[in-house]
Amino acid sequence: MKRTGMGDQHGLASSQWKLILLALLIVTGLAALLFTPISDYFTEEGLQQLLASVRRVWWTPFIVVGLLIIASPLGIPTTPLLLGGAAFGVWLGSFYNTIGLILGAALSYELARVLGRDFVLAVTGDRIRGIEKRFQRFVFWPLVQLNFMPLPFPVLNYGAALSGVRRASFLSAMTIGLIPSTVLHTYFIGALVAADWDKRGVLLAAYIAAFLLFNVLIGYPWIRSQRKRRHTYRRLKSMRSGRKHLFKTDDEI
């Protein structure tokens, strides 16, 4: 029994160090963004100058994809980097941006699983298992919908991993959500940069409206299916209670 306790303490200490390492990784990325010349490339002018200098090079798409992969787990905002893909046009740019975001999401997820998941399990124990089991049945479409909300990309990736979302569910939901949302981002970011200042207000309103529309299109069918499920559950529960009452009455007779 004593050894088991020592083993639990060692496991908790190990998981704490892993979590600290994950936090340091994010802090390092944010510090690099705030206190180094890297921040100059995350402005509209900086990204345009960088892309103009390397646009004719055949490996420029790899730079775009690579930056998105690296930025995702470091907590660096990925939205400004989508301008790099937008420089190649809507469809080709969306392809590059989507590849980078999906691979970045996968990397962030795996890092959070390796470095942070043990701490969650060590602290919560078996209590989290039951919650996760119920959570898995309803997480897919909400996870898709979160790609159309103004939620920081690292929060979404790390949150899914730490809360126990299965790898297959996460990757499939992120792929389905990222493809249309990245096309919207790429189109509107490119259009906003190219537009005159007096036209940017209209484009920004259309940008927001497009994401609101997708939220409704994804969210309404899911909410409706959940209401149907709850209604069916209540009806079955009512039928079962009626049968129990009937059997009780027969026994009394």
Foldseek 3Di string as FASTA:
>chain_A
DVVVVVVLVVLLVQLVVLQVVLVVLQVVLVCCCVPHCVVQCLDPVNVVVVCVVCVVPPCLLVVLLVVLLSCQSNLHFCLSSLLSLLVVPLPRSLVSNLNSPLNNLLVLLVSLLVRNQSNLCSVCPCVLVVVLVVCQVQPQLVLLLVLLDPDGNSCSSNVCNNSPHDPVSNSVSCSNNSSVSSSLSSVLVSVLSPDDPVCNVVSVVVSNVVSVVVSCVSVVVSVVVVVVVVVVVVVVVVVVVVVVVVVVVVVVD
